[in-house]
N, C-alpha and C. Protein backbone atom coordinates (compact mmCIF):
# COMPACT_ATOMS: atom_id res chain seq x y z
N UNK A 1 94.78 67.32 46.02
CA UNK A 1 94.31 66.52 44.90
C UNK A 1 92.87 66.09 45.20
N UNK A 2 92.03 66.21 44.22
CA UNK A 2 90.63 65.81 44.33
C UNK A 2 90.44 64.53 43.52
N UNK A 3 89.91 63.49 44.17
CA UNK A 3 89.77 62.17 43.55
C UNK A 3 88.29 61.82 43.42
N UNK A 4 87.90 61.43 42.22
CA UNK A 4 86.56 60.92 41.94
C UNK A 4 86.63 59.40 41.90
N UNK A 5 85.89 58.76 42.77
CA UNK A 5 85.78 57.30 42.76
C UNK A 5 84.47 56.91 42.11
N UNK A 6 84.50 55.83 41.34
CA UNK A 6 83.31 55.35 40.64
C UNK A 6 83.09 53.87 40.95
N UNK A 7 81.84 53.55 41.34
CA UNK A 7 81.40 52.16 41.47
C UNK A 7 80.40 51.94 40.33
N UNK A 8 80.84 51.37 39.22
CA UNK A 8 79.97 51.30 38.03
C UNK A 8 78.86 50.27 38.15
N UNK A 9 77.76 50.58 37.50
CA UNK A 9 76.64 49.66 37.41
C UNK A 9 75.73 50.13 36.29
N UNK A 10 75.06 49.21 35.63
CA UNK A 10 74.19 49.61 34.52
C UNK A 10 72.87 50.21 35.01
N UNK A 11 72.49 49.94 36.24
CA UNK A 11 71.27 50.53 36.82
C UNK A 11 71.60 51.65 37.81
N UNK A 12 72.62 51.43 38.63
CA UNK A 12 73.05 52.43 39.62
C UNK A 12 74.57 52.52 39.57
N UNK A 13 75.06 53.72 39.31
CA UNK A 13 76.49 53.98 39.33
C UNK A 13 76.77 54.93 40.49
N UNK A 14 77.57 54.46 41.44
CA UNK A 14 77.91 55.29 42.59
C UNK A 14 79.09 56.17 42.27
N UNK A 15 79.10 57.37 42.86
CA UNK A 15 80.27 58.25 42.75
C UNK A 15 80.60 58.82 44.12
N UNK A 16 81.86 59.08 44.33
CA UNK A 16 82.32 59.67 45.58
C UNK A 16 83.53 60.52 45.31
N UNK A 17 83.59 61.67 45.95
CA UNK A 17 84.71 62.59 45.73
C UNK A 17 85.33 62.93 47.07
N UNK A 18 86.66 62.81 47.12
CA UNK A 18 87.42 63.19 48.31
C UNK A 18 88.49 64.21 47.91
N UNK A 19 88.89 64.98 48.89
CA UNK A 19 89.96 65.97 48.72
C UNK A 19 91.13 65.52 49.60
N UNK A 20 92.32 65.46 49.01
CA UNK A 20 93.50 65.01 49.74
C UNK A 20 94.52 66.14 49.77
N UNK A 21 94.94 66.51 50.98
CA UNK A 21 96.00 67.51 51.17
C UNK A 21 96.98 66.93 52.17
N UNK A 22 98.12 66.48 51.67
CA UNK A 22 99.08 65.80 52.53
C UNK A 22 98.49 64.51 53.04
N UNK A 23 98.42 64.38 54.37
CA UNK A 23 97.82 63.20 55.00
C UNK A 23 96.33 63.39 55.30
N UNK A 24 95.83 64.61 55.09
CA UNK A 24 94.44 64.92 55.39
C UNK A 24 93.54 64.49 54.23
N UNK A 25 92.50 63.71 54.53
CA UNK A 25 91.53 63.26 53.53
C UNK A 25 90.16 63.74 53.97
N UNK A 26 89.51 64.52 53.12
CA UNK A 26 88.20 65.09 53.45
C UNK A 26 87.15 64.67 52.43
N UNK A 27 85.96 64.47 52.93
CA UNK A 27 84.79 64.17 52.10
C UNK A 27 84.37 65.44 51.36
N UNK A 28 84.06 65.29 50.06
CA UNK A 28 83.54 66.41 49.27
C UNK A 28 82.08 66.15 48.92
N UNK A 29 81.81 65.01 48.29
CA UNK A 29 80.45 64.71 47.84
C UNK A 29 80.35 63.23 47.48
N UNK A 30 79.12 62.74 47.42
CA UNK A 30 78.88 61.38 46.93
C UNK A 30 77.41 61.27 46.55
N UNK A 31 77.12 60.23 45.79
CA UNK A 31 75.75 60.01 45.37
C UNK A 31 75.69 58.88 44.36
N UNK A 32 74.54 58.80 43.71
CA UNK A 32 74.32 57.74 42.74
C UNK A 32 73.68 58.30 41.48
N UNK A 33 74.10 57.77 40.37
CA UNK A 33 73.47 58.05 39.09
C UNK A 33 72.54 56.87 38.85
N UNK A 34 71.26 57.12 38.95
CA UNK A 34 70.25 56.07 38.77
C UNK A 34 69.66 56.21 37.38
N UNK A 35 69.74 55.13 36.63
CA UNK A 35 69.23 55.17 35.26
C UNK A 35 67.76 54.79 35.24
N UNK A 36 67.05 55.34 34.27
CA UNK A 36 65.63 55.03 34.10
C UNK A 36 65.48 53.62 33.55
N UNK A 37 64.30 53.08 33.71
CA UNK A 37 64.02 51.78 33.10
C UNK A 37 64.05 51.95 31.60
N UNK A 38 64.46 50.92 30.92
CA UNK A 38 64.54 50.99 29.48
C UNK A 38 65.74 50.21 28.99
N UNK A 39 66.05 50.40 27.74
CA UNK A 39 67.14 49.66 27.11
C UNK A 39 68.51 50.11 27.57
N UNK A 40 69.46 49.23 27.37
CA UNK A 40 70.84 49.49 27.80
C UNK A 40 71.43 50.73 27.13
N UNK A 41 71.24 50.96 25.83
CA UNK A 41 71.84 52.16 25.22
C UNK A 41 71.42 53.46 25.91
N UNK A 42 70.15 53.58 26.27
CA UNK A 42 69.68 54.77 26.95
C UNK A 42 70.28 54.91 28.34
N UNK A 43 70.41 53.79 29.05
CA UNK A 43 71.01 53.81 30.39
C UNK A 43 72.48 54.21 30.30
N UNK A 44 73.18 53.72 29.29
CA UNK A 44 74.59 54.08 29.13
C UNK A 44 74.75 55.57 28.86
N UNK A 45 73.84 56.14 28.08
CA UNK A 45 73.86 57.59 27.83
C UNK A 45 73.65 58.36 29.13
N UNK A 46 72.75 57.87 29.98
CA UNK A 46 72.50 58.53 31.26
C UNK A 46 73.73 58.48 32.16
N UNK A 47 74.43 57.35 32.16
CA UNK A 47 75.66 57.23 32.96
C UNK A 47 76.70 58.22 32.45
N UNK A 48 76.87 58.27 31.14
CA UNK A 48 77.83 59.20 30.54
C UNK A 48 77.51 60.64 30.96
N UNK A 49 76.27 61.04 30.77
CA UNK A 49 75.85 62.41 31.12
C UNK A 49 76.02 62.69 32.61
N UNK A 50 75.69 61.70 33.42
CA UNK A 50 75.83 61.87 34.87
C UNK A 50 77.27 62.06 35.29
N UNK A 51 78.18 61.29 34.72
CA UNK A 51 79.60 61.42 35.06
C UNK A 51 80.12 62.79 34.59
N UNK A 52 79.75 63.20 33.40
CA UNK A 52 80.16 64.53 32.90
C UNK A 52 79.67 65.62 33.85
N UNK A 53 78.43 65.51 34.30
CA UNK A 53 77.87 66.51 35.22
C UNK A 53 78.64 66.55 36.54
N UNK A 54 78.97 65.37 37.08
CA UNK A 54 79.73 65.30 38.33
C UNK A 54 81.11 65.93 38.15
N UNK A 55 81.77 65.62 37.04
CA UNK A 55 83.11 66.16 36.78
C UNK A 55 83.04 67.68 36.63
N UNK A 56 82.05 68.17 35.90
CA UNK A 56 81.92 69.62 35.72
C UNK A 56 81.58 70.32 37.03
N UNK A 57 80.80 69.68 37.88
CA UNK A 57 80.40 70.29 39.15
C UNK A 57 81.52 70.31 40.19
N UNK A 58 82.29 69.22 40.29
CA UNK A 58 83.25 69.08 41.38
C UNK A 58 84.71 69.18 40.97
N UNK A 59 84.99 69.19 39.69
CA UNK A 59 86.34 69.37 39.15
C UNK A 59 87.41 68.48 39.81
N UNK A 60 87.21 67.16 39.77
CA UNK A 60 88.26 66.28 40.31
C UNK A 60 89.51 66.31 39.43
N UNK A 61 90.63 65.92 40.01
CA UNK A 61 91.90 65.88 39.27
C UNK A 61 92.13 64.53 38.61
N UNK A 62 91.52 63.49 39.18
CA UNK A 62 91.75 62.13 38.70
C UNK A 62 90.55 61.28 39.06
N UNK A 63 90.39 60.17 38.34
CA UNK A 63 89.30 59.24 38.61
C UNK A 63 89.86 57.86 38.92
N UNK A 64 89.23 57.19 39.88
CA UNK A 64 89.55 55.78 40.14
C UNK A 64 88.25 55.01 40.00
N UNK A 65 88.35 53.80 39.46
CA UNK A 65 87.15 53.02 39.17
C UNK A 65 87.41 51.55 39.49
N UNK A 66 86.36 50.88 39.92
CA UNK A 66 86.46 49.46 40.24
C UNK A 66 86.49 48.63 38.96
N UNK A 67 87.36 47.63 38.94
CA UNK A 67 87.42 46.68 37.83
C UNK A 67 86.19 45.80 37.82
N UNK A 68 85.93 45.19 36.68
CA UNK A 68 84.82 44.24 36.55
C UNK A 68 85.15 42.97 37.31
N UNK A 69 84.16 42.50 38.05
CA UNK A 69 84.28 41.24 38.78
C UNK A 69 83.27 40.27 38.19
N UNK A 70 83.73 39.15 37.66
CA UNK A 70 82.84 38.15 37.08
C UNK A 70 82.67 37.03 38.10
N UNK A 71 81.45 36.90 38.62
CA UNK A 71 81.20 35.84 39.60
C UNK A 71 80.59 34.64 38.90
N UNK A 72 79.35 34.75 38.51
CA UNK A 72 78.70 33.64 37.81
C UNK A 72 78.03 34.09 36.53
N UNK A 73 77.44 35.26 36.52
CA UNK A 73 76.62 35.70 35.42
C UNK A 73 77.43 36.53 34.41
N UNK A 74 77.76 35.92 33.30
CA UNK A 74 78.58 36.57 32.28
C UNK A 74 77.83 37.74 31.64
N UNK A 75 76.53 37.62 31.45
CA UNK A 75 75.73 38.70 30.86
C UNK A 75 75.79 39.94 31.74
N UNK A 76 75.67 39.76 33.04
CA UNK A 76 75.76 40.89 33.98
C UNK A 76 77.15 41.51 33.92
N UNK A 77 78.18 40.68 33.81
CA UNK A 77 79.55 41.19 33.73
C UNK A 77 79.76 42.02 32.46
N UNK A 78 79.15 41.59 31.36
CA UNK A 78 79.26 42.35 30.12
C UNK A 78 78.59 43.71 30.24
N UNK A 79 77.40 43.75 30.85
CA UNK A 79 76.70 45.02 31.05
C UNK A 79 77.50 45.93 31.97
N UNK A 80 78.07 45.35 33.01
CA UNK A 80 78.91 46.13 33.93
C UNK A 80 80.13 46.68 33.20
N UNK A 81 80.71 45.87 32.33
CA UNK A 81 81.86 46.33 31.53
C UNK A 81 81.49 47.49 30.63
N UNK A 82 80.30 47.45 30.08
CA UNK A 82 79.85 48.56 29.24
C UNK A 82 79.65 49.82 30.07
N UNK A 83 79.08 49.68 31.26
CA UNK A 83 78.90 50.84 32.14
C UNK A 83 80.25 51.42 32.55
N UNK A 84 81.21 50.55 32.84
CA UNK A 84 82.57 51.00 33.17
C UNK A 84 83.17 51.77 32.00
N UNK A 85 83.02 51.22 30.80
CA UNK A 85 83.59 51.85 29.62
C UNK A 85 83.03 53.25 29.39
N UNK A 86 81.73 53.39 29.59
CA UNK A 86 81.09 54.69 29.43
C UNK A 86 81.60 55.67 30.49
N UNK A 87 81.73 55.21 31.73
CA UNK A 87 82.23 56.08 32.81
C UNK A 87 83.67 56.51 32.53
N UNK A 88 84.49 55.57 32.09
CA UNK A 88 85.89 55.88 31.76
C UNK A 88 85.94 56.88 30.61
N UNK A 89 85.14 56.64 29.59
CA UNK A 89 85.10 57.54 28.43
C UNK A 89 84.66 58.94 28.84
N UNK A 90 83.63 59.05 29.66
CA UNK A 90 83.14 60.35 30.11
C UNK A 90 84.24 61.11 30.85
N UNK A 91 84.94 60.43 31.74
CA UNK A 91 86.02 61.07 32.50
C UNK A 91 87.18 61.45 31.58
N UNK A 92 87.54 60.55 30.68
CA UNK A 92 88.65 60.82 29.76
C UNK A 92 88.33 62.01 28.85
N UNK A 93 87.09 62.10 28.41
CA UNK A 93 86.68 63.22 27.55
C UNK A 93 86.74 64.55 28.31
N UNK A 94 86.69 64.48 29.63
CA UNK A 94 86.81 65.67 30.48
C UNK A 94 88.26 65.91 30.91
N UNK A 95 89.19 65.09 30.40
CA UNK A 95 90.61 65.29 30.66
C UNK A 95 91.14 64.61 31.91
N UNK A 96 90.37 63.70 32.51
CA UNK A 96 90.83 63.03 33.72
C UNK A 96 91.61 61.77 33.40
N UNK A 97 92.67 61.53 34.15
CA UNK A 97 93.35 60.25 34.11
C UNK A 97 92.52 59.24 34.88
N UNK A 98 92.67 57.98 34.55
CA UNK A 98 91.85 56.94 35.17
C UNK A 98 92.74 55.84 35.74
N UNK A 99 92.43 55.44 36.96
CA UNK A 99 93.15 54.35 37.63
C UNK A 99 92.13 53.29 38.02
N UNK A 100 92.47 52.03 37.77
CA UNK A 100 91.55 50.92 38.00
C UNK A 100 92.05 50.04 39.13
N UNK A 101 91.11 49.61 39.98
CA UNK A 101 91.45 48.79 41.13
C UNK A 101 90.50 47.60 41.23
N UNK A 102 91.04 46.47 41.63
CA UNK A 102 90.23 45.27 41.84
C UNK A 102 89.38 45.44 43.09
N UNK A 103 88.19 44.86 43.12
CA UNK A 103 87.32 44.97 44.30
C UNK A 103 88.03 44.55 45.60
N UNK A 104 88.79 43.47 45.56
CA UNK A 104 89.50 43.02 46.76
C UNK A 104 90.55 44.02 47.21
N UNK A 105 91.21 44.68 46.27
CA UNK A 105 92.22 45.68 46.60
C UNK A 105 91.58 46.89 47.28
N UNK A 106 90.41 47.29 46.79
CA UNK A 106 89.68 48.42 47.38
C UNK A 106 89.26 48.08 48.82
N UNK A 107 88.69 46.91 49.00
CA UNK A 107 88.25 46.48 50.34
C UNK A 107 89.44 46.36 51.29
N UNK A 108 90.55 45.85 50.80
CA UNK A 108 91.75 45.72 51.62
C UNK A 108 92.24 47.10 52.07
N UNK A 109 92.21 48.08 51.17
CA UNK A 109 92.68 49.42 51.49
C UNK A 109 91.80 50.11 52.53
N UNK A 110 90.50 49.83 52.51
CA UNK A 110 89.57 50.55 53.38
C UNK A 110 89.25 49.78 54.67
N UNK A 111 89.03 48.48 54.53
CA UNK A 111 88.59 47.67 55.67
C UNK A 111 89.75 46.89 56.27
N UNK A 112 90.76 46.56 55.46
CA UNK A 112 91.86 45.73 55.93
C UNK A 112 91.67 44.27 55.62
N UNK A 113 90.58 43.97 54.92
CA UNK A 113 90.26 42.59 54.50
C UNK A 113 89.75 42.64 53.08
N UNK A 114 90.32 41.85 52.20
CA UNK A 114 89.92 41.85 50.80
C UNK A 114 88.55 41.26 50.53
N UNK A 115 87.98 40.57 51.51
CA UNK A 115 86.67 39.95 51.30
C UNK A 115 85.62 40.53 52.25
N UNK A 116 85.76 41.81 52.55
CA UNK A 116 84.80 42.48 53.44
C UNK A 116 83.45 42.60 52.74
N UNK A 117 82.39 42.68 53.54
CA UNK A 117 81.06 42.85 52.95
C UNK A 117 80.72 44.34 52.83
N UNK A 118 79.60 44.62 52.17
CA UNK A 118 79.20 46.01 51.91
C UNK A 118 79.01 46.82 53.19
N UNK A 119 78.45 46.20 54.21
CA UNK A 119 78.22 46.92 55.47
C UNK A 119 79.54 47.32 56.13
N UNK A 120 80.54 46.45 56.04
CA UNK A 120 81.85 46.78 56.61
C UNK A 120 82.49 47.94 55.84
N UNK A 121 82.34 47.94 54.51
CA UNK A 121 82.87 49.04 53.70
C UNK A 121 82.16 50.34 54.08
N UNK A 122 80.85 50.31 54.18
CA UNK A 122 80.09 51.50 54.56
C UNK A 122 80.55 52.02 55.93
N UNK A 123 80.71 51.12 56.87
CA UNK A 123 81.13 51.52 58.22
C UNK A 123 82.51 52.19 58.20
N UNK A 124 83.45 51.59 57.50
CA UNK A 124 84.81 52.14 57.49
C UNK A 124 84.90 53.44 56.70
N UNK A 125 84.15 53.55 55.61
CA UNK A 125 84.12 54.81 54.86
C UNK A 125 83.58 55.91 55.77
N UNK A 126 82.52 55.61 56.49
CA UNK A 126 81.95 56.59 57.42
C UNK A 126 83.00 57.01 58.45
N UNK A 127 83.70 56.04 59.03
CA UNK A 127 84.69 56.33 60.06
C UNK A 127 85.88 57.11 59.49
N UNK A 128 86.41 56.67 58.36
CA UNK A 128 87.59 57.31 57.78
C UNK A 128 87.32 58.75 57.36
N UNK A 129 86.12 59.01 56.85
CA UNK A 129 85.79 60.35 56.37
C UNK A 129 85.01 61.17 57.40
N UNK A 130 84.82 60.58 58.59
CA UNK A 130 84.13 61.27 59.70
C UNK A 130 82.75 61.78 59.28
N UNK A 131 81.98 60.90 58.65
CA UNK A 131 80.65 61.26 58.17
C UNK A 131 79.62 61.04 59.28
N UNK A 132 78.54 61.82 59.32
CA UNK A 132 77.53 61.65 60.35
C UNK A 132 76.71 60.36 60.21
N UNK A 133 76.65 59.82 59.01
CA UNK A 133 75.92 58.58 58.76
C UNK A 133 76.62 57.82 57.64
N UNK A 134 76.34 56.53 57.58
CA UNK A 134 76.94 55.72 56.51
C UNK A 134 76.33 56.12 55.17
N UNK A 135 77.17 56.31 54.15
CA UNK A 135 76.62 56.61 52.83
C UNK A 135 75.91 55.39 52.25
N UNK A 136 75.07 55.64 51.27
CA UNK A 136 74.40 54.57 50.54
C UNK A 136 75.47 53.59 50.02
N UNK A 137 75.14 52.33 49.88
CA UNK A 137 76.11 51.29 49.53
C UNK A 137 76.91 51.61 48.28
N UNK A 138 76.26 52.01 47.19
CA UNK A 138 76.98 52.27 45.94
C UNK A 138 77.88 53.51 46.07
N UNK A 139 77.42 54.52 46.79
CA UNK A 139 78.23 55.71 47.03
C UNK A 139 79.41 55.37 47.95
N UNK A 140 79.17 54.52 48.96
CA UNK A 140 80.26 54.11 49.85
C UNK A 140 81.33 53.34 49.09
N UNK A 141 80.91 52.46 48.17
CA UNK A 141 81.88 51.72 47.35
C UNK A 141 82.70 52.67 46.48
N UNK A 142 82.06 53.71 45.96
CA UNK A 142 82.77 54.70 45.15
C UNK A 142 83.76 55.49 46.00
N UNK A 143 83.33 55.90 47.19
CA UNK A 143 84.24 56.60 48.11
C UNK A 143 85.41 55.69 48.50
N UNK A 144 85.12 54.41 48.70
CA UNK A 144 86.19 53.45 49.03
C UNK A 144 87.19 53.36 47.89
N UNK A 145 86.72 53.41 46.67
CA UNK A 145 87.60 53.37 45.51
C UNK A 145 88.51 54.61 45.49
N UNK A 146 87.94 55.77 45.81
CA UNK A 146 88.73 57.00 45.88
C UNK A 146 89.76 56.92 47.01
N UNK A 147 89.35 56.39 48.15
CA UNK A 147 90.28 56.23 49.28
C UNK A 147 91.40 55.27 48.92
N UNK A 148 91.08 54.19 48.23
CA UNK A 148 92.09 53.23 47.77
C UNK A 148 93.13 53.93 46.92
N UNK A 149 92.68 54.76 45.98
CA UNK A 149 93.63 55.48 45.13
C UNK A 149 94.50 56.43 45.96
N UNK A 150 93.89 57.09 46.91
CA UNK A 150 94.63 57.98 47.82
C UNK A 150 95.74 57.20 48.54
N UNK A 151 95.39 56.05 49.12
CA UNK A 151 96.37 55.24 49.84
C UNK A 151 97.49 54.77 48.91
N UNK A 152 97.10 54.36 47.70
CA UNK A 152 98.10 53.90 46.73
C UNK A 152 99.09 55.02 46.41
N UNK A 153 98.58 56.23 46.16
CA UNK A 153 99.44 57.37 45.84
C UNK A 153 100.33 57.74 47.02
N UNK A 154 99.78 57.73 48.24
CA UNK A 154 100.58 58.05 49.42
C UNK A 154 101.68 57.02 49.63
N UNK A 155 101.38 55.74 49.37
CA UNK A 155 102.39 54.68 49.49
C UNK A 155 103.50 54.87 48.46
N UNK A 156 103.13 55.21 47.23
CA UNK A 156 104.13 55.45 46.18
C UNK A 156 105.02 56.63 46.53
N UNK A 157 104.42 57.70 47.05
CA UNK A 157 105.21 58.88 47.43
C UNK A 157 106.17 58.55 48.57
N UNK A 158 105.73 57.75 49.53
CA UNK A 158 106.57 57.36 50.63
C UNK A 158 107.75 56.50 50.14
N UNK A 159 107.47 55.58 49.23
CA UNK A 159 108.53 54.74 48.67
C UNK A 159 109.55 55.57 47.91
N UNK A 160 109.07 56.54 47.15
CA UNK A 160 109.98 57.40 46.39
C UNK A 160 110.84 58.25 47.32
N UNK A 161 110.26 58.71 48.41
CA UNK A 161 111.00 59.54 49.36
C UNK A 161 112.08 58.72 50.07
N UNK A 162 111.82 57.44 50.28
CA UNK A 162 112.78 56.57 50.96
C UNK A 162 113.86 56.05 50.04
N UNK A 163 113.63 56.14 48.74
CA UNK A 163 114.62 55.61 47.77
C UNK A 163 115.79 56.57 47.58
């Protein structure tokens, strides 16, 4: 199974793709969709096009995406929600199912602590995927989202086998 993880953002959207075969998890690709300066509608179009290009290039089977986290700035949360919606729409239009995970759940799955910082996520993603260097922060968050989905699916399969 090939999993596309997405860390949405209106300026930078991270993506990460892993391949899962049994218990083996391998790195496929990662990167960032960086939008040009300008209005939000144009940036959303760039995110949509970027996700479509990633899906067409790497042919993932499923997508996992981080849920919106509202800390203090509601305007930023709304923009993030719009970026998420565009990413979900792009994947859905390409026939992918979408699974959503809370930021704390993703960090818990990768680092073992729901309140880990970005550097800890980068370090663990590098270690888990045996990468030569830590990926960029947004790409690492996207890979962490994909790893979270992998762990969730493996846990569900184990529970079903034991039932």
